[in-house]
Amino acid sequence: MKNSTKQYLYSVLRQAWQELRALGNRAAQVLMQTPLPRLLMLCIGIALLITIVPLILTLFVIFMLVKLFLLLVVMNVRSQKAADKPQWSYKESEDAQLIRVEQITYRHDQK
C-alpha cells in the first residue's frame, strides 16, 4: 500500500516538474525572440513592481498604526476628562428633596 502511494506521488511530482520545465522553455523562447529594448522595459517594469508594492503595503501598515495610536490617545484623554469631572456634586444632593407620590390622577380633556 505504501509503495503504490509513493509511486503515485513520484509520478505526480515528475509530471509537475515536466510541466514547469516546458513552461520555462517556452518563456525562454519568447524572451529570445523579444527585442532588447522591450526586454529592458519589461525588466524595469518588473523591478518597479517588486519595489513599489512592498512600499505601498508598508506605508499602509504604518498609517494604520498611527491612526490606531492617535485613536487610543484621544480615547484616553476623553476618559481622563470624564473621570476628573464628577457626575454629581454634593451640593446638588443636599438640595434634592424627597417627594412621595400617593396617588396620580389624570385630567381628561372634556369637549
C-alpha atoms as a PDB file:
ATOM      1  CA  MET A   1       0.000   0.000   0.000  1.00  0.00           C
ATOM      2  CA  LYS A   2       2.778   2.450   0.872  1.00  0.00           C
ATOM      3  CA  ASN A   3       4.669   1.548  -2.281  1.00  0.00           C
ATOM      4  CA  SER A   4       1.738   2.469  -4.575  1.00  0.00           C
ATOM      5  CA  THR A   5       1.292   5.778  -2.727  1.00  0.00           C
ATOM      6  CA  LYS A   6       4.975   6.598  -3.188  1.00  0.00           C
ATOM      7  CA  GLN A   7       4.772   5.706  -6.871  1.00  0.00           C
ATOM      8  CA  TYR A   8       1.697   7.898  -7.297  1.00  0.00           C
ATOM      9  CA  LEU A   9       3.369  10.886  -5.579  1.00  0.00           C
ATOM     10  CA  TYR A  10       6.529  10.322  -7.626  1.00  0.00           C
ATOM     11  CA  SER A  11       4.563  10.305 -10.894  1.00  0.00           C
ATOM     12  CA  VAL A  12       2.620  13.449  -9.914  1.00  0.00           C
ATOM     13  CA  LEU A  13       5.802  15.310  -8.947  1.00  0.00           C
ATOM     14  CA  ARG A  14       7.581  14.147 -12.103  1.00  0.00           C
ATOM     15  CA  GLN A  15       4.680  15.344 -14.257  1.00  0.00           C
ATOM     16  CA  ALA A  16       4.601  18.713 -12.449  1.00  0.00           C
ATOM     17  CA  TRP A  17       8.367  19.099 -12.984  1.00  0.00           C
ATOM     18  CA  GLN A  18       7.997  18.326 -16.691  1.00  0.00           C
ATOM     19  CA  GLU A  19       5.216  20.921 -16.990  1.00  0.00           C
ATOM     20  CA  LEU A  20       7.347  23.553 -15.232  1.00  0.00           C
ATOM     21  CA  ARG A  21      10.323  22.783 -17.474  1.00  0.00           C
ATOM     22  CA  ALA A  22       8.134  23.075 -20.585  1.00  0.00           C
ATOM     23  CA  LEU A  23       6.768  26.380 -19.326  1.00  0.00           C
ATOM     24  CA  GLY A  24      10.300  27.625 -18.600  1.00  0.00           C
ATOM     25  CA  ASN A  25      11.485  26.571 -22.062  1.00  0.00           C
ATOM     26  CA  ARG A  26       8.539  28.374 -23.677  1.00  0.00           C
ATOM     27  CA  ALA A  27       9.255  31.541 -21.627  1.00  0.00           C
ATOM     28  CA  ALA A  28      12.940  31.364 -22.643  1.00  0.00           C
ATOM     29  CA  GLN A  29      11.977  31.067 -26.320  1.00  0.00           C
ATOM     30  CA  VAL A  30       9.677  34.081 -26.056  1.00  0.00           C
ATOM     31  CA  LEU A  31      12.407  36.098 -24.329  1.00  0.00           C
ATOM     32  CA  MET A  32      14.937  35.138 -27.001  1.00  0.00           C
ATOM     33  CA  GLN A  33      12.581  36.440 -29.708  1.00  0.00           C
ATOM     34  CA  THR A  34      11.820  39.677 -27.834  1.00  0.00           C
ATOM     35  CA  PRO A  35      13.859  42.722 -28.917  1.00  0.00           C
ATOM     36  CA  LEU A  36      16.262  44.131 -26.336  1.00  0.00           C
ATOM     37  CA  PRO A  37      14.526  47.492 -25.749  1.00  0.00           C
ATOM     38  CA  ARG A  38      11.248  45.746 -24.997  1.00  0.00           C
ATOM     39  CA  LEU A  39      13.058  43.272 -22.731  1.00  0.00           C
ATOM     40  CA  LEU A  40      14.701  46.191 -20.915  1.00  0.00           C
ATOM     41  CA  MET A  41      11.325  47.884 -20.406  1.00  0.00           C
ATOM     42  CA  LEU A  42       9.889  44.611 -19.124  1.00  0.00           C
ATOM     43  CA  CYS A  43      12.720  44.248 -16.614  1.00  0.00           C
ATOM     44  CA  ILE A  44      12.290  47.852 -15.439  1.00  0.00           C
ATOM     45  CA  GLY A  45       8.549  47.317 -15.038  1.00  0.00           C
ATOM     46  CA  ILE A  46       9.046  44.153 -13.009  1.00  0.00           C
ATOM     47  CA  ALA A  47      11.668  45.883 -10.837  1.00  0.00           C
ATOM     48  CA  LEU A  48       9.315  48.809 -10.171  1.00  0.00           C
ATOM     49  CA  LEU A  49       6.500  46.422  -9.337  1.00  0.00           C
ATOM     50  CA  ILE A  50       8.714  44.484  -6.950  1.00  0.00           C
ATOM     51  CA  THR A  51       9.827  47.666  -5.153  1.00  0.00           C
ATOM     52  CA  ILE A  52       6.610  49.705  -5.142  1.00  0.00           C
ATOM     53  CA  VAL A  53       4.165  47.048  -3.902  1.00  0.00           C
ATOM     54  CA  PRO A  54       6.035  46.391  -0.608  1.00  0.00           C
ATOM     55  CA  LEU A  55       6.459  50.159  -0.169  1.00  0.00           C
ATOM     56  CA  ILE A  56       2.720  50.703  -0.546  1.00  0.00           C
ATOM     57  CA  LEU A  57       1.921  47.891   1.878  1.00  0.00           C
ATOM     58  CA  THR A  58       4.448  49.203   4.409  1.00  0.00           C
ATOM     59  CA  LEU A  59       3.059  52.737   4.239  1.00  0.00           C
ATOM     60  CA  PHE A  60      -0.468  51.395   4.636  1.00  0.00           C
ATOM     61  CA  VAL A  61       0.509  49.468   7.772  1.00  0.00           C
ATOM     62  CA  ILE A  62       2.390  52.476   9.194  1.00  0.00           C
ATOM     63  CA  PHE A  63      -0.551  54.837   8.638  1.00  0.00           C
ATOM     64  CA  MET A  64      -2.982  52.355  10.171  1.00  0.00           C
ATOM     65  CA  LEU A  65      -0.738  52.009  13.242  1.00  0.00           C
ATOM     66  CA  VAL A  66      -0.507  55.814  13.556  1.00  0.00           C
ATOM     67  CA  LYS A  67      -4.286  56.072  13.275  1.00  0.00           C
ATOM     68  CA  LEU A  68      -4.732  53.396  15.951  1.00  0.00           C
ATOM     69  CA  PHE A  69      -2.233  55.152  18.238  1.00  0.00           C
ATOM     70  CA  LEU A  70      -3.997  58.511  17.840  1.00  0.00           C
ATOM     71  CA  LEU A  71      -7.353  56.877  18.482  1.00  0.00           C
ATOM     72  CA  LEU A  72      -6.055  55.346  21.704  1.00  0.00           C
ATOM     73  CA  VAL A  73      -4.606  58.688  22.832  1.00  0.00           C
ATOM     74  CA  VAL A  74      -7.877  60.526  22.148  1.00  0.00           C
ATOM     75  CA  MET A  75      -9.902  57.864  23.960  1.00  0.00           C
ATOM     76  CA  ASN A  76      -7.534  58.014  26.937  1.00  0.00           C
ATOM     77  CA  VAL A  77      -7.763  61.817  27.147  1.00  0.00           C
ATOM     78  CA  ARG A  78     -11.572  61.699  26.958  1.00  0.00           C
ATOM     79  CA  SER A  79     -11.784  59.033  29.656  1.00  0.00           C
ATOM     80  CA  GLN A  80      -9.493  61.077  31.930  1.00  0.00           C
ATOM     81  CA  LYS A  81     -11.639  64.189  31.417  1.00  0.00           C
ATOM     82  CA  ALA A  82     -14.743  62.173  32.262  1.00  0.00           C
ATOM     83  CA  ALA A  83     -13.049  60.733  35.378  1.00  0.00           C
ATOM     84  CA  ASP A  84     -11.923  64.182  36.580  1.00  0.00           C
ATOM     85  CA  LYS A  85     -15.386  65.673  36.179  1.00  0.00           C
ATOM     86  CA  PRO A  86     -17.764  64.355  38.883  1.00  0.00           C
ATOM     87  CA  GLN A  87     -21.111  63.008  37.759  1.00  0.00           C
ATOM     88  CA  TRP A  88     -22.925  64.843  40.579  1.00  0.00           C
ATOM     89  CA  SER A  89     -21.909  67.215  43.277  1.00  0.00           C
ATOM     90  CA  TYR A  90     -22.641  67.103  46.991  1.00  0.00           C
ATOM     91  CA  LYS A  91     -24.410  70.447  46.771  1.00  0.00           C
ATOM     92  CA  GLU A  92     -26.878  69.062  44.288  1.00  0.00           C
ATOM     93  CA  SER A  93     -27.545  66.094  46.523  1.00  0.00           C
ATOM     94  CA  GLU A  94     -28.204  68.379  49.528  1.00  0.00           C
ATOM     95  CA  ASP A  95     -30.671  70.459  47.533  1.00  0.00           C
ATOM     96  CA  ALA A  96     -32.648  67.428  46.413  1.00  0.00           C
ATOM     97  CA  GLN A  97     -35.929  66.769  48.192  1.00  0.00           C
ATOM     98  CA  LEU A  98     -37.763  63.524  48.609  1.00  0.00           C
ATOM     99  CA  ILE A  99     -41.235  63.655  47.138  1.00  0.00           C
ATOM    100  CA  ARG A 100     -43.750  60.965  47.961  1.00  0.00           C
ATOM    101  CA  VAL A 101     -46.498  60.338  45.437  1.00  0.00           C
ATOM    102  CA  GLU A 102     -49.675  58.948  46.962  1.00  0.00           C
ATOM    103  CA  GLN A 103     -51.983  58.930  44.008  1.00  0.00           C
ATOM    104  CA  ILE A 104     -51.804  60.162  40.468  1.00  0.00           C
ATOM    105  CA  THR A 105     -54.958  61.436  38.872  1.00  0.00           C
ATOM    106  CA  TYR A 106     -55.178  62.322  35.244  1.00  0.00           C
ATOM    107  CA  ARG A 107     -57.328  65.092  33.900  1.00  0.00           C
ATOM    108  CA  HIS A 108     -59.312  64.092  30.902  1.00  0.00           C
ATOM    109  CA  ASP A 109     -59.861  66.715  28.303  1.00  0.00           C
ATOM    110  CA  GLN A 110     -63.596  67.291  28.123  1.00  0.00           C
ATOM    111  CA  LYS A 111     -65.035  68.756  24.996  1.00  0.00           C
END
